[in-house]
Amino acid sequence: MKVINVKDIVGTNAISMNSGIKLRKVILKEWRSGKVILDFSGIDVFASPFLNASIGALLKDKTIEELQNTLVFEGISDHGKRLLNLVIANAIKFFADGGDKTNTGLDQAQKDM
């Protein structure tokens, strides 16, 4: 079981997509070790770009069951939990609706211009 202190990676504000990508890389590096505890203690501010890039993006290649069986969220504020649940629900829908094909659509739109 690996504990990841989110504050050590992104500071006290979990806001930007770039910070989310940093955290996702650390999560993926530890994924095979079993349970991964994400300790959000000391995080003051959450924003959806961060959670989309760190947690939501995992659902492109992982199932919700894999996410639930691997990740443990600790020290996360009530606001952070609400936002995290919203991000996960949106990511499930996005990827189920073919969200991973977004680039294909953009490429075609650019060709048509």
N, C-alpha and C. Protein backbone atom coordinates (compact mmCIF):
# COMPACT_ATOMS: atom_id res chain seq x y z
N MET A 1 0.84 -1.17 0.00
CA MET A 1 0.00 0.00 0.00
C MET A 1 0.89 1.24 0.00
N LYS A 2 0.62 2.13 -0.92
CA LYS A 2 1.42 3.34 -1.07
C LYS A 2 0.58 4.55 -0.70
N VAL A 3 1.15 5.45 0.10
CA VAL A 3 0.48 6.70 0.45
C VAL A 3 1.10 7.82 -0.37
N ILE A 4 0.26 8.55 -1.08
CA ILE A 4 0.71 9.70 -1.85
C ILE A 4 0.17 10.95 -1.16
N ASN A 5 1.07 11.81 -0.70
CA ASN A 5 0.67 13.07 -0.09
C ASN A 5 0.51 14.08 -1.22
N VAL A 6 -0.72 14.39 -1.55
CA VAL A 6 -1.02 15.25 -2.69
C VAL A 6 -0.40 16.63 -2.52
N LYS A 7 -0.43 17.16 -1.30
CA LYS A 7 0.14 18.49 -1.03
C LYS A 7 1.62 18.54 -1.40
N ASP A 8 2.35 17.44 -1.18
CA ASP A 8 3.77 17.41 -1.53
C ASP A 8 3.99 17.52 -3.04
N ILE A 9 3.00 17.12 -3.82
CA ILE A 9 3.14 17.13 -5.28
C ILE A 9 2.64 18.43 -5.89
N VAL A 10 1.51 18.96 -5.37
CA VAL A 10 0.89 20.12 -6.03
C VAL A 10 0.79 21.37 -5.16
N GLY A 11 1.16 21.28 -3.89
CA GLY A 11 1.00 22.43 -3.00
C GLY A 11 -0.38 22.44 -2.39
N THR A 12 -0.81 23.58 -1.85
CA THR A 12 -2.08 23.64 -1.12
C THR A 12 -3.29 23.86 -2.01
N ASN A 13 -3.08 24.17 -3.28
CA ASN A 13 -4.18 24.41 -4.20
C ASN A 13 -4.19 23.38 -5.31
N ALA A 14 -5.24 22.58 -5.35
CA ALA A 14 -5.39 21.55 -6.39
C ALA A 14 -6.31 22.11 -7.46
N ILE A 15 -5.71 22.91 -8.34
CA ILE A 15 -6.52 23.69 -9.28
C ILE A 15 -6.23 23.37 -10.74
N SER A 16 -4.97 23.38 -11.11
CA SER A 16 -4.64 23.37 -12.54
C SER A 16 -4.59 21.98 -13.16
N MET A 17 -4.78 21.96 -14.46
CA MET A 17 -4.68 20.73 -15.22
C MET A 17 -3.26 20.18 -15.14
N ASN A 18 -2.27 21.05 -15.20
CA ASN A 18 -0.87 20.60 -15.13
C ASN A 18 -0.57 19.91 -13.80
N SER A 19 -1.10 20.45 -12.71
CA SER A 19 -0.93 19.80 -11.41
C SER A 19 -1.63 18.45 -11.39
N GLY A 20 -2.79 18.38 -12.00
CA GLY A 20 -3.52 17.13 -12.09
C GLY A 20 -2.76 16.07 -12.87
N ILE A 21 -2.14 16.49 -13.95
CA ILE A 21 -1.33 15.56 -14.76
C ILE A 21 -0.16 15.04 -13.94
N LYS A 22 0.47 15.93 -13.16
CA LYS A 22 1.58 15.50 -12.29
C LYS A 22 1.13 14.41 -11.32
N LEU A 23 -0.02 14.64 -10.70
CA LEU A 23 -0.53 13.66 -9.74
C LEU A 23 -0.89 12.35 -10.45
N ARG A 24 -1.53 12.44 -11.62
CA ARG A 24 -1.90 11.22 -12.35
C ARG A 24 -0.68 10.38 -12.68
N LYS A 25 0.42 11.00 -13.05
CA LYS A 25 1.65 10.26 -13.35
C LYS A 25 2.15 9.50 -12.12
N VAL A 26 2.06 10.13 -10.96
CA VAL A 26 2.49 9.47 -9.72
C VAL A 26 1.54 8.30 -9.40
N ILE A 27 0.25 8.52 -9.58
CA ILE A 27 -0.74 7.46 -9.32
C ILE A 27 -0.45 6.27 -10.22
N LEU A 28 -0.26 6.52 -11.51
CA LEU A 28 -0.05 5.42 -12.46
C LEU A 28 1.24 4.65 -12.15
N LYS A 29 2.25 5.37 -11.67
CA LYS A 29 3.51 4.72 -11.32
C LYS A 29 3.31 3.73 -10.16
N GLU A 30 2.39 4.05 -9.26
CA GLU A 30 2.15 3.22 -8.07
C GLU A 30 0.98 2.25 -8.24
N TRP A 31 0.26 2.34 -9.35
CA TRP A 31 -0.99 1.59 -9.55
C TRP A 31 -0.85 0.10 -9.28
N ARG A 32 0.21 -0.50 -9.78
CA ARG A 32 0.38 -1.96 -9.67
C ARG A 32 0.74 -2.42 -8.26
N SER A 33 1.09 -1.50 -7.39
CA SER A 33 1.51 -1.90 -6.04
C SER A 33 0.32 -2.23 -5.13
N GLY A 34 -0.87 -2.18 -5.66
CA GLY A 34 -2.06 -2.47 -4.85
C GLY A 34 -2.78 -1.20 -4.50
N LYS A 35 -3.28 -1.12 -3.28
CA LYS A 35 -4.01 0.07 -2.84
C LYS A 35 -3.10 1.30 -2.87
N VAL A 36 -3.67 2.39 -3.36
CA VAL A 36 -2.96 3.67 -3.37
C VAL A 36 -3.81 4.65 -2.57
N ILE A 37 -3.25 5.15 -1.49
CA ILE A 37 -3.96 6.13 -0.66
C ILE A 37 -3.56 7.52 -1.12
N LEU A 38 -4.56 8.31 -1.50
CA LEU A 38 -4.33 9.70 -1.86
C LEU A 38 -4.71 10.55 -0.65
N ASP A 39 -3.71 11.13 -0.01
CA ASP A 39 -3.92 11.94 1.18
C ASP A 39 -4.01 13.40 0.77
N PHE A 40 -5.22 13.96 0.86
CA PHE A 40 -5.46 15.34 0.46
C PHE A 40 -5.36 16.31 1.64
N SER A 41 -4.83 15.88 2.77
CA SER A 41 -4.67 16.76 3.93
C SER A 41 -3.87 17.99 3.53
N GLY A 42 -4.35 19.15 3.96
CA GLY A 42 -3.64 20.39 3.68
C GLY A 42 -3.99 21.03 2.35
N ILE A 43 -4.85 20.39 1.56
CA ILE A 43 -5.29 21.01 0.30
C ILE A 43 -6.44 21.94 0.64
N ASP A 44 -6.28 23.23 0.32
CA ASP A 44 -7.27 24.24 0.67
C ASP A 44 -8.32 24.46 -0.42
N VAL A 45 -7.90 24.35 -1.68
CA VAL A 45 -8.78 24.69 -2.80
C VAL A 45 -8.75 23.57 -3.83
N PHE A 46 -9.93 23.19 -4.32
CA PHE A 46 -10.06 22.20 -5.38
C PHE A 46 -10.73 22.85 -6.58
N ALA A 47 -10.35 22.41 -7.78
CA ALA A 47 -11.02 22.85 -9.00
C ALA A 47 -11.14 21.66 -9.94
N SER A 48 -12.18 21.68 -10.76
CA SER A 48 -12.43 20.54 -11.64
C SER A 48 -11.31 20.27 -12.64
N PRO A 49 -10.60 21.26 -13.19
CA PRO A 49 -9.51 20.91 -14.12
C PRO A 49 -8.48 19.98 -13.48
N PHE A 50 -8.16 20.22 -12.22
CA PHE A 50 -7.21 19.36 -11.51
C PHE A 50 -7.76 17.94 -11.38
N LEU A 51 -8.99 17.81 -10.92
CA LEU A 51 -9.57 16.48 -10.71
C LEU A 51 -9.85 15.77 -12.03
N ASN A 52 -10.22 16.53 -13.06
CA ASN A 52 -10.40 15.91 -14.38
C ASN A 52 -9.09 15.30 -14.88
N ALA A 53 -8.00 16.05 -14.73
CA ALA A 53 -6.70 15.58 -15.24
C ALA A 53 -6.09 14.49 -14.37
N SER A 54 -6.36 14.51 -13.07
CA SER A 54 -5.72 13.53 -12.18
C SER A 54 -6.55 12.26 -12.02
N ILE A 55 -7.83 12.39 -11.77
CA ILE A 55 -8.68 11.23 -11.47
C ILE A 55 -9.59 10.88 -12.64
N GLY A 56 -10.29 11.86 -13.17
CA GLY A 56 -11.22 11.60 -14.28
C GLY A 56 -10.54 10.95 -15.47
N ALA A 57 -9.34 11.41 -15.80
CA ALA A 57 -8.62 10.87 -16.96
C ALA A 57 -8.22 9.41 -16.78
N LEU A 58 -8.14 8.95 -15.55
CA LEU A 58 -7.82 7.53 -15.31
C LEU A 58 -8.90 6.62 -15.89
N LEU A 59 -10.12 7.14 -15.97
CA LEU A 59 -11.24 6.32 -16.44
C LEU A 59 -11.24 6.11 -17.95
N LYS A 60 -10.30 6.71 -18.63
CA LYS A 60 -10.15 6.41 -20.06
C LYS A 60 -9.68 4.97 -20.24
N ASP A 61 -8.78 4.53 -19.36
CA ASP A 61 -8.18 3.19 -19.48
C ASP A 61 -8.52 2.27 -18.32
N LYS A 62 -9.19 2.77 -17.30
CA LYS A 62 -9.53 1.98 -16.12
C LYS A 62 -11.04 1.97 -15.94
N THR A 63 -11.56 0.92 -15.33
CA THR A 63 -12.99 0.89 -15.02
C THR A 63 -13.23 1.57 -13.67
N ILE A 64 -14.48 1.90 -13.42
CA ILE A 64 -14.81 2.49 -12.13
C ILE A 64 -14.52 1.50 -11.01
N GLU A 65 -14.70 0.21 -11.29
CA GLU A 65 -14.41 -0.82 -10.28
C GLU A 65 -12.91 -0.84 -9.95
N GLU A 66 -12.07 -0.74 -10.98
CA GLU A 66 -10.62 -0.69 -10.74
C GLU A 66 -10.26 0.53 -9.90
N LEU A 67 -10.88 1.65 -10.23
CA LEU A 67 -10.63 2.88 -9.49
C LEU A 67 -11.03 2.70 -8.02
N GLN A 68 -12.22 2.16 -7.78
CA GLN A 68 -12.71 1.97 -6.42
C GLN A 68 -11.87 0.96 -5.64
N ASN A 69 -11.37 -0.05 -6.33
CA ASN A 69 -10.57 -1.09 -5.66
C ASN A 69 -9.13 -0.67 -5.40
N THR A 70 -8.66 0.35 -6.11
CA THR A 70 -7.25 0.74 -6.00
C THR A 70 -7.06 2.02 -5.20
N LEU A 71 -7.88 3.04 -5.46
CA LEU A 71 -7.66 4.34 -4.83
C LEU A 71 -8.47 4.50 -3.55
N VAL A 72 -7.81 5.07 -2.54
CA VAL A 72 -8.45 5.42 -1.28
C VAL A 72 -8.22 6.92 -1.10
N PHE A 73 -9.30 7.67 -0.89
CA PHE A 73 -9.20 9.12 -0.73
C PHE A 73 -9.30 9.46 0.75
N GLU A 74 -8.27 10.10 1.28
CA GLU A 74 -8.25 10.49 2.70
C GLU A 74 -8.00 11.98 2.82
N GLY A 75 -8.51 12.56 3.89
CA GLY A 75 -8.24 13.96 4.20
C GLY A 75 -8.82 14.93 3.19
N ILE A 76 -9.82 14.50 2.44
CA ILE A 76 -10.41 15.38 1.42
C ILE A 76 -11.62 16.09 2.03
N SER A 77 -11.73 17.38 1.78
CA SER A 77 -12.82 18.18 2.33
C SER A 77 -14.16 17.77 1.71
N ASP A 78 -15.24 18.20 2.34
CA ASP A 78 -16.57 17.91 1.80
C ASP A 78 -16.72 18.50 0.40
N HIS A 79 -16.23 19.72 0.22
CA HIS A 79 -16.27 20.34 -1.12
C HIS A 79 -15.48 19.50 -2.12
N GLY A 80 -14.30 19.05 -1.71
CA GLY A 80 -13.48 18.22 -2.58
C GLY A 80 -14.17 16.92 -2.95
N LYS A 81 -14.86 16.30 -1.97
CA LYS A 81 -15.60 15.05 -2.24
C LYS A 81 -16.72 15.27 -3.25
N ARG A 82 -17.47 16.36 -3.06
CA ARG A 82 -18.58 16.65 -3.99
C ARG A 82 -18.05 16.85 -5.40
N LEU A 83 -16.98 17.62 -5.52
CA LEU A 83 -16.40 17.89 -6.83
C LEU A 83 -15.82 16.62 -7.43
N LEU A 84 -15.16 15.81 -6.63
CA LEU A 84 -14.60 14.54 -7.10
C LEU A 84 -15.69 13.62 -7.62
N ASN A 85 -16.80 13.50 -6.89
CA ASN A 85 -17.91 12.66 -7.34
C ASN A 85 -18.49 13.15 -8.66
N LEU A 86 -18.61 14.47 -8.81
CA LEU A 86 -19.11 15.05 -10.06
C LEU A 86 -18.15 14.76 -11.21
N VAL A 87 -16.87 14.93 -10.98
CA VAL A 87 -15.85 14.68 -12.01
C VAL A 87 -15.87 13.21 -12.43
N ILE A 88 -15.97 12.31 -11.48
CA ILE A 88 -16.00 10.87 -11.81
C ILE A 88 -17.25 10.54 -12.62
N ALA A 89 -18.40 11.04 -12.20
CA ALA A 89 -19.64 10.78 -12.95
C ALA A 89 -19.54 11.32 -14.37
N ASN A 90 -19.01 12.52 -14.53
CA ASN A 90 -18.85 13.10 -15.86
C ASN A 90 -17.86 12.31 -16.71
N ALA A 91 -16.78 11.85 -16.09
CA ALA A 91 -15.77 11.08 -16.84
C ALA A 91 -16.33 9.74 -17.31
N ILE A 92 -17.11 9.09 -16.46
CA ILE A 92 -17.73 7.82 -16.85
C ILE A 92 -18.61 8.04 -18.08
N LYS A 93 -19.43 9.08 -18.04
CA LYS A 93 -20.32 9.38 -19.17
C LYS A 93 -19.50 9.78 -20.40
N PHE A 94 -18.52 10.62 -20.22
CA PHE A 94 -17.70 11.11 -21.33
C PHE A 94 -17.04 9.95 -22.08
N PHE A 95 -16.40 9.06 -21.35
CA PHE A 95 -15.70 7.96 -22.01
C PHE A 95 -16.67 6.90 -22.53
N ALA A 96 -17.82 6.73 -21.88
CA ALA A 96 -18.83 5.80 -22.38
C ALA A 96 -19.44 6.31 -23.69
N ASP A 97 -19.50 7.63 -23.84
CA ASP A 97 -20.06 8.24 -25.05
C ASP A 97 -19.03 8.41 -26.15
N GLY A 98 -17.86 7.80 -26.00
CA GLY A 98 -16.82 7.90 -27.02
C GLY A 98 -15.98 9.15 -26.91
N GLY A 99 -15.84 9.68 -25.71
CA GLY A 99 -15.05 10.89 -25.49
C GLY A 99 -13.61 10.74 -25.92
N ASP A 100 -13.12 9.50 -25.97
CA ASP A 100 -11.75 9.29 -26.41
C ASP A 100 -11.61 9.51 -27.91
N LYS A 101 -12.73 9.74 -28.60
CA LYS A 101 -12.68 9.99 -30.04
C LYS A 101 -12.73 11.49 -30.34
N THR A 102 -12.64 12.31 -29.31
CA THR A 102 -12.72 13.76 -29.48
C THR A 102 -11.68 14.26 -30.47
N ASN A 103 -10.46 13.79 -30.38
CA ASN A 103 -9.41 14.26 -31.29
C ASN A 103 -9.73 13.92 -32.73
N THR A 104 -10.35 12.76 -32.97
CA THR A 104 -10.73 12.38 -34.32
C THR A 104 -11.70 13.40 -34.89
N GLY A 105 -12.69 13.79 -34.09
CA GLY A 105 -13.66 14.78 -34.53
C GLY A 105 -13.02 16.12 -34.80
N LEU A 106 -12.10 16.53 -33.96
CA LEU A 106 -11.40 17.80 -34.18
C LEU A 106 -10.54 17.75 -35.43
N ASP A 107 -9.86 16.62 -35.65
CA ASP A 107 -9.05 16.47 -36.85
C ASP A 107 -9.91 16.58 -38.10
N GLN A 108 -11.08 15.95 -38.09
CA GLN A 108 -11.98 16.00 -39.25
C GLN A 108 -12.49 17.42 -39.45
N ALA A 109 -12.83 18.11 -38.38
CA ALA A 109 -13.33 19.48 -38.48
C ALA A 109 -12.27 20.39 -39.09
N GLN A 110 -11.01 20.18 -38.72
CA GLN A 110 -9.94 21.01 -39.27
C GLN A 110 -9.75 20.73 -40.76
N LYS A 111 -9.90 19.48 -41.18
CA LYS A 111 -9.79 19.14 -42.60
C LYS A 111 -10.89 19.80 -43.41
N ASP A 112 -12.08 19.89 -42.81
CA ASP A 112 -13.22 20.46 -43.51
C ASP A 112 -13.16 21.97 -43.61
N MET A 113 -12.26 22.60 -42.88
CA MET A 113 -12.18 24.07 -42.87
C MET A 113 -11.46 24.60 -44.08
